[in-house]
C-alpha atoms as a PDB file:
ATOM      1  CA  MET A   1      -0.232   0.069  -0.260  1.00  0.00           C
ATOM      2  CA  SER A   2       0.857   3.543  -0.838  1.00  0.00           C
ATOM      3  CA  PHE A   3       1.395   6.207   2.091  1.00  0.00           C
ATOM      4  CA  LYS A   4      -1.787   7.593   0.465  1.00  0.00           C
ATOM      5  CA  GLU A   5      -3.592   4.418   1.186  1.00  0.00           C
ATOM      6  CA  ASN A   6      -1.859   4.214   4.194  1.00  0.00           C
ATOM      7  CA  LEU A   7      -2.222   6.954   6.037  1.00  0.00           C
ATOM      8  CA  LEU A   8      -6.554   6.976   4.636  1.00  0.00           C
ATOM      9  CA  TYR A   9      -6.989   3.846   6.682  1.00  0.00           C
ATOM     10  CA  GLU A  10      -5.496   5.049   9.962  1.00  0.00           C
ATOM     11  CA  ILE A  11      -7.945   8.562   9.548  1.00  0.00           C
ATOM     12  CA  ASP A  12     -10.597   6.263   8.684  1.00  0.00           C
ATOM     13  CA  SER A  13      -9.707   3.806  11.682  1.00  0.00           C
ATOM     14  CA  ARG A  14      -9.690   6.597  13.752  1.00  0.00           C
ATOM     15  CA  ASP A  15     -12.208   9.368  14.948  1.00  0.00           C
ATOM     16  CA  ILE A  16     -11.144  11.766  13.819  1.00  0.00           C
ATOM     17  CA  SER A  17     -12.017  13.912  10.339  1.00  0.00           C
ATOM     18  CA  LYS A  18      -9.173  15.236   7.821  1.00  0.00           C
ATOM     19  CA  LYS A  19      -9.710  18.932   8.928  1.00  0.00           C
ATOM     20  CA  GLU A  20      -9.015  18.092  12.119  1.00  0.00           C
ATOM     21  CA  LEU A  21      -6.192  16.002  11.233  1.00  0.00           C
ATOM     22  CA  ALA A  22      -4.743  19.023   9.774  1.00  0.00           C
ATOM     23  CA  ALA A  23      -5.072  21.440  12.222  1.00  0.00           C
ATOM     24  CA  LYS A  24      -3.214  19.142  14.825  1.00  0.00           C
ATOM     25  CA  ILE A  25      -0.168  18.414  12.562  1.00  0.00           C
ATOM     26  CA  GLY A  26      -1.005  22.192  11.715  1.00  0.00           C
ATOM     27  CA  ILE A  27      -1.047  22.753   7.968  1.00  0.00           C
ATOM     28  CA  SER A  28      -3.915  24.158   6.022  1.00  0.00           C
ATOM     29  CA  TYR A  29      -6.510  21.763   4.687  1.00  0.00           C
ATOM     30  CA  ASN A  30      -5.727  22.273   1.390  1.00  0.00           C
ATOM     31  CA  THR A  31      -2.069  20.832   1.874  1.00  0.00           C
ATOM     32  CA  PHE A  32      -2.747  17.895   4.042  1.00  0.00           C
ATOM     33  CA  LEU A  33      -5.367  17.813   0.872  1.00  0.00           C
ATOM     34  CA  SER A  34      -2.309  17.218  -1.363  1.00  0.00           C
ATOM     35  CA  TYR A  35      -1.378  14.685   0.373  1.00  0.00           C
ATOM     36  CA  ILE A  36      -4.344  11.990  -0.083  1.00  0.00           C
ATOM     37  CA  ASN A  37      -5.296  13.376  -3.646  1.00  0.00           C
ATOM     38  CA  ALA A  38      -5.109  12.290  -7.209  1.00  0.00           C
ATOM     39  CA  ARG A  39      -1.276  13.683  -7.470  1.00  0.00           C
ATOM     40  CA  GLU A  40      -0.609  12.120  -4.409  1.00  0.00           C
ATOM     41  CA  VAL A  41       2.282  14.659  -3.093  1.00  0.00           C
ATOM     42  CA  GLN A  42       4.726  13.379  -0.837  1.00  0.00           C
ATOM     43  CA  PRO A  43       5.383  15.205   2.827  1.00  0.00           C
ATOM     44  CA  SER A  44       8.752  16.117   3.863  1.00  0.00           C
ATOM     45  CA  ILE A  45      10.268  13.580   5.844  1.00  0.00           C
ATOM     46  CA  ASP A  46       9.614  16.766   9.138  1.00  0.00           C
ATOM     47  CA  MET A  47       5.745  16.578   8.134  1.00  0.00           C
ATOM     48  CA  ALA A  48       5.151  13.051   7.987  1.00  0.00           C
ATOM     49  CA  GLU A  49       7.013  11.977  11.392  1.00  0.00           C
ATOM     50  CA  ARG A  50       4.215  14.848  12.512  1.00  0.00           C
ATOM     51  CA  ILE A  51       2.092  13.416  10.541  1.00  0.00           C
ATOM     52  CA  ALA A  52       2.598   9.856  12.106  1.00  0.00           C
ATOM     53  CA  LYS A  53       3.049  11.351  15.993  1.00  0.00           C
ATOM     54  CA  ALA A  54      -0.075  12.651  15.834  1.00  0.00           C
ATOM     55  CA  LEU A  55      -1.837   9.418  14.401  1.00  0.00           C
ATOM     56  CA  ASN A  56       0.450   7.262  16.964  1.00  0.00           C
ATOM     57  CA  VAL A  57       2.261   5.061  14.480  1.00  0.00           C
ATOM     58  CA  SER A  58       6.019   5.399  12.721  1.00  0.00           C
ATOM     59  CA  VAL A  59       6.374   6.786   9.462  1.00  0.00           C
ATOM     60  CA  ASP A  60       7.731   3.513   8.280  1.00  0.00           C
ATOM     61  CA  TYR A  61       4.268   2.419   8.641  1.00  0.00           C
ATOM     62  CA  LEU A  62       3.014   4.949   6.848  1.00  0.00           C
ATOM     63  CA  ILE A  63       5.314   4.472   4.094  1.00  0.00           C
ATOM     64  CA  THR A  64       5.264   1.204   3.285  1.00  0.00           C
ATOM     65  CA  GLY A  65       2.433  -0.415   5.543  1.00  0.00           C
ATOM     66  CA  ARG A  66       4.040  -2.773   8.023  1.00  0.00           C
ATOM     67  CA  HIS A  67       4.832  -2.028  11.619  1.00  0.00           C
ATOM     68  CA  THR A  68       8.367  -2.201  13.114  1.00  0.00           C
ATOM     69  CA  GLY A  69       7.502  -2.948  16.701  1.00  0.00           C
ATOM     70  CA  GLN A  70       6.394   0.938  17.633  1.00  0.00           C
ATOM     71  CA  ASN A  71       3.238  -0.711  18.395  1.00  0.00           C
ATOM     72  CA  SER A  72       2.226  -4.210  19.442  1.00  0.00           C
ATOM     73  CA  SER A  73      -0.061  -6.192  18.161  1.00  0.00           C
ATOM     74  CA  ALA A  74      -1.416  -6.325  21.245  1.00  0.00           C
ATOM     75  CA  GLU A  75      -1.402  -2.529  21.752  1.00  0.00           C
ATOM     76  CA  LEU A  76      -3.261  -2.213  17.730  1.00  0.00           C
ATOM     77  CA  PHE A  77      -5.365  -4.413  19.137  1.00  0.00           C
ATOM     78  CA  LEU A  78      -6.207  -2.264  22.224  1.00  0.00           C
ATOM     79  CA  GLN A  79      -6.789   0.998  20.316  1.00  0.00           C
ATOM     80  CA  LYS A  80      -8.982  -0.161  17.915  1.00  0.00           C
ATOM     81  CA  TYR A  81     -10.790  -1.883  21.079  1.00  0.00           C
ATOM     82  CA  GLU A  82     -11.387   1.884  22.869  1.00  0.00           C
ATOM     83  CA  ARG A  83     -12.488   3.504  19.495  1.00  0.00           C
ATOM     84  CA  PHE A  84     -15.274   0.734  19.439  1.00  0.00           C
ATOM     85  CA  GLU A  85     -15.962   0.176  23.087  1.00  0.00           C
ATOM     86  CA  ASP A  86     -19.495   2.340  23.103  1.00  0.00           C
ATOM     87  CA  ILE A  87     -20.412  -0.243  20.283  1.00  0.00           C
ATOM     88  CA  LEU A  88     -18.998  -3.212  21.884  1.00  0.00           C
ATOM     89  CA  GLU A  89     -20.459  -2.570  25.113  1.00  0.00           C
ATOM     90  CA  GLU A  90     -24.234  -2.021  23.501  1.00  0.00           C
ATOM     91  CA  LEU A  91     -23.618  -4.992  21.306  1.00  0.00           C
ATOM     92  CA  ASP A  92     -22.512  -7.030  24.034  1.00  0.00           C
ATOM     93  CA  GLN A  93     -25.993  -6.463  26.648  1.00  0.00           C
ATOM     94  CA  LEU A  94     -27.661  -7.990  23.616  1.00  0.00           C
ATOM     95  CA  PRO A  95     -28.962 -11.810  24.003  1.00  0.00           C
ATOM     96  CA  ALA A  96     -27.600 -13.911  21.991  1.00  0.00           C
ATOM     97  CA  GLU A  97     -30.451 -14.328  19.447  1.00  0.00           C
ATOM     98  CA  SER A  98     -30.974 -10.381  19.345  1.00  0.00           C
ATOM     99  CA  TYR A  99     -27.594 -10.247  18.322  1.00  0.00           C
ATOM    100  CA  LYS A 100     -27.711 -12.773  15.876  1.00  0.00           C
ATOM    101  CA  ASN A 101     -30.435 -11.249  14.186  1.00  0.00           C
ATOM    102  CA  ALA A 102     -29.117  -7.335  14.295  1.00  0.00           C
ATOM    103  CA  LYS A 103     -25.538  -8.460  12.967  1.00  0.00           C
ATOM    104  CA  PRO A 104     -26.905  -8.606   9.282  1.00  0.00           C
ATOM    105  CA  GLY A 105     -28.234  -5.269   9.244  1.00  0.00           C
ATOM    106  CA  ILE A 106     -25.462  -3.541  11.788  1.00  0.00           C
ATOM    107  CA  LEU A 107     -22.992  -5.186   8.674  1.00  0.00           C
ATOM    108  CA  GLY A 108     -24.824  -3.596   6.208  1.00  0.00           C
ATOM    109  CA  MET A 109     -25.331  -0.370   7.503  1.00  0.00           C
ATOM    110  CA  ILE A 110     -21.320  -0.134   8.548  1.00  0.00           C
ATOM    111  CA  ARG A 111     -21.097  -1.068   4.601  1.00  0.00           C
ATOM    112  CA  GLY A 112     -23.201   1.185   2.843  1.00  0.00           C
ATOM    113  CA  TYR A 113     -21.794   4.566   5.001  1.00  0.00           C
ATOM    114  CA  LYS A 114     -18.345   2.533   3.425  1.00  0.00           C
ATOM    115  CA  GLN A 115     -19.450   2.666  -0.185  1.00  0.00           C
ATOM    116  CA  GLU A 116     -20.619   6.383   1.088  1.00  0.00           C
ATOM    117  CA  SER A 117     -17.500   7.705   1.697  1.00  0.00           C
ATOM    118  CA  ARG A 118     -15.759   6.445  -1.411  1.00  0.00           C
ATOM    119  CA  GLU A 119     -18.445   8.007  -3.585  1.00  0.00           C
END
């Protein structure tokens, strides 16, 4: 995966918008968009470090898509769990049969949102 794809994945995986991330790293939204639009402008090393730090990943990960030990799989799992903790708690309170019946609808709704965000 490319820097652009890895960056977009991390943004999508977190509860942060592109505008929020741009503000957090101290650049304009338009400059930030240049990293993820069709032109795929590559940020400077300094900027890549600022982006990586804001997302709590390594620069190497943003470039290669491979984690180099900075974040263990347990840490990555915990980060994802914390993002969805409120949803998981609600699902956990459902009786097994209700969860079984709700699961296809929930997954369908999520896939619908993913499709909307790609358009």
